[in-house]
């Protein structure tokens, strides 16, 4: 027995969401600022696999940026004063 999809669409239906929209949705979700209307639209139009990949990529980029920032601050000597 198969359950009905949440958004009422056939699960095999390809979703056409742009890379920019996917990155924007992930970026806004990092801040925790999303309107329910936008969330519903994203559920219907964006590919979940793309969302997961974009989330992992943006999280890794954020961690690398923090590490580089900390290394720069330590190397500049500001942290030792």
N, C-alpha and C. Protein backbone atom coordinates (compact mmCIF):
# COMPACT_ATOMS: atom_id res chain seq x y z
N UNK A 1 0.86 -1.17 0.00
CA UNK A 1 0.00 0.00 0.00
C UNK A 1 0.90 1.24 0.00
N UNK A 2 0.63 2.15 -0.89
CA UNK A 2 1.44 3.34 -1.03
C UNK A 2 0.69 4.53 -0.44
N UNK A 3 1.41 5.36 0.29
CA UNK A 3 0.77 6.54 0.86
C UNK A 3 0.78 7.67 -0.15
N UNK A 4 -0.16 8.56 -0.02
CA UNK A 4 -0.26 9.70 -0.93
C UNK A 4 0.81 10.73 -0.59
N UNK A 5 1.40 11.37 -1.58
CA UNK A 5 2.40 12.39 -1.30
C UNK A 5 1.78 13.58 -0.58
N UNK A 6 2.58 14.27 0.17
CA UNK A 6 2.11 15.40 0.98
C UNK A 6 1.53 16.52 0.12
N UNK A 7 2.21 16.83 -0.98
CA UNK A 7 1.76 17.96 -1.79
C UNK A 7 0.76 17.57 -2.87
N UNK A 8 0.31 16.30 -2.90
CA UNK A 8 -0.70 15.87 -3.84
C UNK A 8 -0.18 15.57 -5.23
N UNK A 9 1.14 15.59 -5.40
CA UNK A 9 1.73 15.32 -6.70
C UNK A 9 2.27 13.91 -6.76
N UNK A 10 2.42 13.41 -7.94
CA UNK A 10 3.05 12.12 -8.16
C UNK A 10 4.52 12.24 -7.76
N UNK A 11 5.05 11.34 -6.92
CA UNK A 11 6.44 11.44 -6.48
C UNK A 11 7.45 11.41 -7.62
N UNK A 12 7.09 10.82 -8.76
CA UNK A 12 8.02 10.74 -9.88
C UNK A 12 8.01 11.99 -10.74
N UNK A 13 7.13 12.94 -10.46
CA UNK A 13 7.06 14.16 -11.23
C UNK A 13 8.31 14.99 -10.98
N UNK A 14 9.04 15.34 -12.05
CA UNK A 14 10.24 16.16 -11.84
C UNK A 14 9.87 17.55 -11.35
N UNK A 15 10.66 18.05 -10.43
CA UNK A 15 10.43 19.39 -9.90
C UNK A 15 11.41 20.33 -10.54
N UNK A 16 10.93 21.47 -10.97
CA UNK A 16 11.78 22.42 -11.66
C UNK A 16 12.00 23.64 -10.78
N UNK A 17 13.06 23.58 -9.99
CA UNK A 17 13.44 24.71 -9.18
C UNK A 17 14.85 25.11 -9.56
N UNK A 18 15.08 26.38 -9.69
CA UNK A 18 16.40 26.84 -10.11
C UNK A 18 17.41 26.68 -8.98
N UNK A 19 18.68 26.66 -9.36
CA UNK A 19 19.76 26.58 -8.38
C UNK A 19 19.73 27.79 -7.46
N UNK A 20 19.48 28.95 -8.03
CA UNK A 20 19.43 30.17 -7.22
C UNK A 20 18.30 30.12 -6.20
N UNK A 21 17.13 29.63 -6.61
CA UNK A 21 16.01 29.49 -5.65
C UNK A 21 16.33 28.51 -4.56
N UNK A 22 16.99 27.40 -4.92
CA UNK A 22 17.37 26.40 -3.93
C UNK A 22 18.34 26.98 -2.93
N UNK A 23 19.38 27.67 -3.42
CA UNK A 23 20.36 28.28 -2.51
C UNK A 23 19.71 29.36 -1.64
N UNK A 24 18.80 30.10 -2.22
CA UNK A 24 18.09 31.12 -1.44
C UNK A 24 17.25 30.51 -0.33
N UNK A 25 16.55 29.44 -0.64
CA UNK A 25 15.73 28.77 0.37
C UNK A 25 16.58 28.23 1.50
N UNK A 26 17.73 27.63 1.16
CA UNK A 26 18.62 27.10 2.19
C UNK A 26 19.23 28.23 3.01
N UNK A 27 19.64 29.30 2.36
CA UNK A 27 20.24 30.43 3.08
C UNK A 27 19.25 31.04 4.07
N UNK A 28 18.02 31.26 3.63
CA UNK A 28 17.01 31.81 4.53
C UNK A 28 16.70 30.86 5.68
N UNK A 29 16.73 29.57 5.41
CA UNK A 29 16.45 28.61 6.48
C UNK A 29 17.58 28.59 7.51
N UNK A 30 18.81 28.90 7.10
CA UNK A 30 19.91 29.00 8.07
C UNK A 30 19.63 30.10 9.09
N UNK A 31 19.00 31.18 8.64
CA UNK A 31 18.65 32.28 9.54
C UNK A 31 17.35 32.01 10.29
N UNK A 32 16.59 31.03 9.85
CA UNK A 32 15.32 30.71 10.50
C UNK A 32 14.22 31.66 10.14
N UNK A 33 14.37 32.34 9.01
CA UNK A 33 13.38 33.33 8.58
C UNK A 33 12.73 32.84 7.29
N UNK A 34 11.59 32.20 7.41
CA UNK A 34 10.85 31.72 6.24
C UNK A 34 9.36 31.95 6.48
N UNK A 35 8.70 32.43 5.48
CA UNK A 35 7.25 32.57 5.54
C UNK A 35 6.64 31.22 5.19
N UNK A 36 5.51 30.90 5.79
CA UNK A 36 4.87 29.61 5.51
C UNK A 36 4.46 29.51 4.05
N UNK A 37 4.11 30.62 3.46
CA UNK A 37 3.73 30.63 2.04
C UNK A 37 4.93 30.21 1.17
N UNK A 38 6.13 30.73 1.51
CA UNK A 38 7.33 30.37 0.76
C UNK A 38 7.70 28.91 0.99
N UNK A 39 7.52 28.43 2.20
CA UNK A 39 7.82 27.04 2.51
C UNK A 39 6.94 26.10 1.69
N UNK A 40 5.66 26.41 1.61
CA UNK A 40 4.74 25.58 0.83
C UNK A 40 5.11 25.58 -0.65
N UNK A 41 5.49 26.74 -1.16
CA UNK A 41 5.90 26.84 -2.56
C UNK A 41 7.18 26.03 -2.80
N UNK A 42 8.12 26.10 -1.85
CA UNK A 42 9.36 25.35 -1.99
C UNK A 42 9.11 23.84 -1.96
N UNK A 43 8.18 23.40 -1.12
CA UNK A 43 7.86 21.97 -1.05
C UNK A 43 7.31 21.46 -2.38
N UNK A 44 6.58 22.30 -3.07
CA UNK A 44 5.98 21.90 -4.34
C UNK A 44 6.97 21.97 -5.50
N UNK A 45 7.90 22.91 -5.44
CA UNK A 45 8.71 23.19 -6.62
C UNK A 45 10.16 22.75 -6.53
N UNK A 46 10.74 22.67 -5.35
CA UNK A 46 12.17 22.37 -5.23
C UNK A 46 12.41 20.89 -5.01
N UNK A 47 13.50 20.41 -5.54
CA UNK A 47 13.89 19.02 -5.43
C UNK A 47 14.54 18.78 -4.06
N UNK A 48 14.04 17.84 -3.27
CA UNK A 48 14.60 17.60 -1.94
C UNK A 48 16.09 17.21 -1.95
N UNK A 49 16.50 16.47 -2.97
CA UNK A 49 17.92 16.10 -3.06
C UNK A 49 18.78 17.34 -3.25
N UNK A 50 18.33 18.26 -4.08
CA UNK A 50 19.06 19.50 -4.29
C UNK A 50 19.11 20.33 -3.01
N UNK A 51 18.03 20.32 -2.25
CA UNK A 51 18.01 21.06 -0.99
C UNK A 51 19.03 20.50 0.00
N UNK A 52 19.10 19.18 0.10
CA UNK A 52 20.06 18.55 1.02
C UNK A 52 21.48 18.85 0.58
N UNK A 53 21.76 18.70 -0.71
CA UNK A 53 23.11 18.98 -1.21
C UNK A 53 23.50 20.44 -1.01
N UNK A 54 22.58 21.36 -1.26
CA UNK A 54 22.86 22.78 -1.05
C UNK A 54 23.06 23.07 0.43
N UNK A 55 22.29 22.43 1.30
CA UNK A 55 22.45 22.64 2.74
C UNK A 55 23.80 22.17 3.23
N UNK A 56 24.23 21.00 2.77
CA UNK A 56 25.55 20.48 3.17
C UNK A 56 26.65 21.39 2.63
N UNK A 57 26.53 21.83 1.39
CA UNK A 57 27.54 22.70 0.79
C UNK A 57 27.62 24.04 1.52
N UNK A 58 26.48 24.64 1.82
CA UNK A 58 26.50 25.93 2.52
C UNK A 58 26.99 25.78 3.96
N UNK A 59 26.66 24.69 4.62
CA UNK A 59 27.15 24.47 5.98
C UNK A 59 28.67 24.28 5.97
N UNK A 60 29.19 23.53 5.00
CA UNK A 60 30.64 23.33 4.90
C UNK A 60 31.34 24.65 4.59
N UNK A 61 30.76 25.45 3.72
CA UNK A 61 31.33 26.76 3.40
C UNK A 61 31.35 27.65 4.64
N UNK A 62 30.30 27.62 5.42
CA UNK A 62 30.23 28.42 6.64
C UNK A 62 31.31 28.00 7.64
N UNK A 63 31.50 26.69 7.82
CA UNK A 63 32.51 26.19 8.75
C UNK A 63 33.91 26.57 8.28
N UNK A 64 34.18 26.42 6.99
CA UNK A 64 35.49 26.79 6.44
C UNK A 64 35.73 28.29 6.63
N UNK A 65 34.71 29.11 6.39
CA UNK A 65 34.86 30.56 6.58
C UNK A 65 35.16 30.89 8.04
N UNK A 66 34.50 30.22 8.97
CA UNK A 66 34.79 30.46 10.39
C UNK A 66 36.21 30.06 10.76
N UNK A 67 36.67 28.92 10.26
CA UNK A 67 38.04 28.46 10.54
C UNK A 67 39.05 29.46 9.97
N UNK A 68 38.83 29.92 8.75
CA UNK A 68 39.73 30.90 8.14
C UNK A 68 39.73 32.20 8.93
N UNK A 69 38.57 32.64 9.39
CA UNK A 69 38.49 33.86 10.18
C UNK A 69 39.25 33.73 11.49
N UNK A 70 39.07 32.62 12.18
CA UNK A 70 39.77 32.40 13.45
C UNK A 70 41.27 32.34 13.22
N UNK A 71 41.72 31.64 12.19
CA UNK A 71 43.15 31.58 11.88
C UNK A 71 43.71 32.95 11.56
N UNK A 72 42.96 33.75 10.82
CA UNK A 72 43.40 35.10 10.49
C UNK A 72 43.52 35.97 11.73
N UNK A 73 42.53 35.88 12.62
CA UNK A 73 42.57 36.69 13.85
C UNK A 73 43.74 36.26 14.72
N UNK A 74 43.98 34.97 14.84
CA UNK A 74 45.09 34.48 15.66
C UNK A 74 46.43 34.91 15.03
N UNK A 75 46.57 34.80 13.73
CA UNK A 75 47.82 35.16 13.05
C UNK A 75 48.09 36.65 13.11
N UNK A 76 47.05 37.47 13.15
CA UNK A 76 47.24 38.92 13.17
C UNK A 76 47.70 39.43 14.52
N UNK A 77 47.59 38.62 15.56
CA UNK A 77 48.02 39.03 16.89
C UNK A 77 46.98 39.78 17.69
N UNK A 78 45.84 39.99 17.14
CA UNK A 78 44.77 40.72 17.83
C UNK A 78 44.29 39.91 19.05
N UNK A 79 44.30 38.61 18.93
CA UNK A 79 43.78 37.76 20.00
C UNK A 79 44.72 37.69 21.20
N UNK A 80 46.01 38.04 21.02
CA UNK A 80 46.96 37.92 22.14
C UNK A 80 47.04 39.18 22.97
N UNK A 81 46.40 40.25 22.59
CA UNK A 81 46.47 41.51 23.35
C UNK A 81 45.58 41.49 24.55
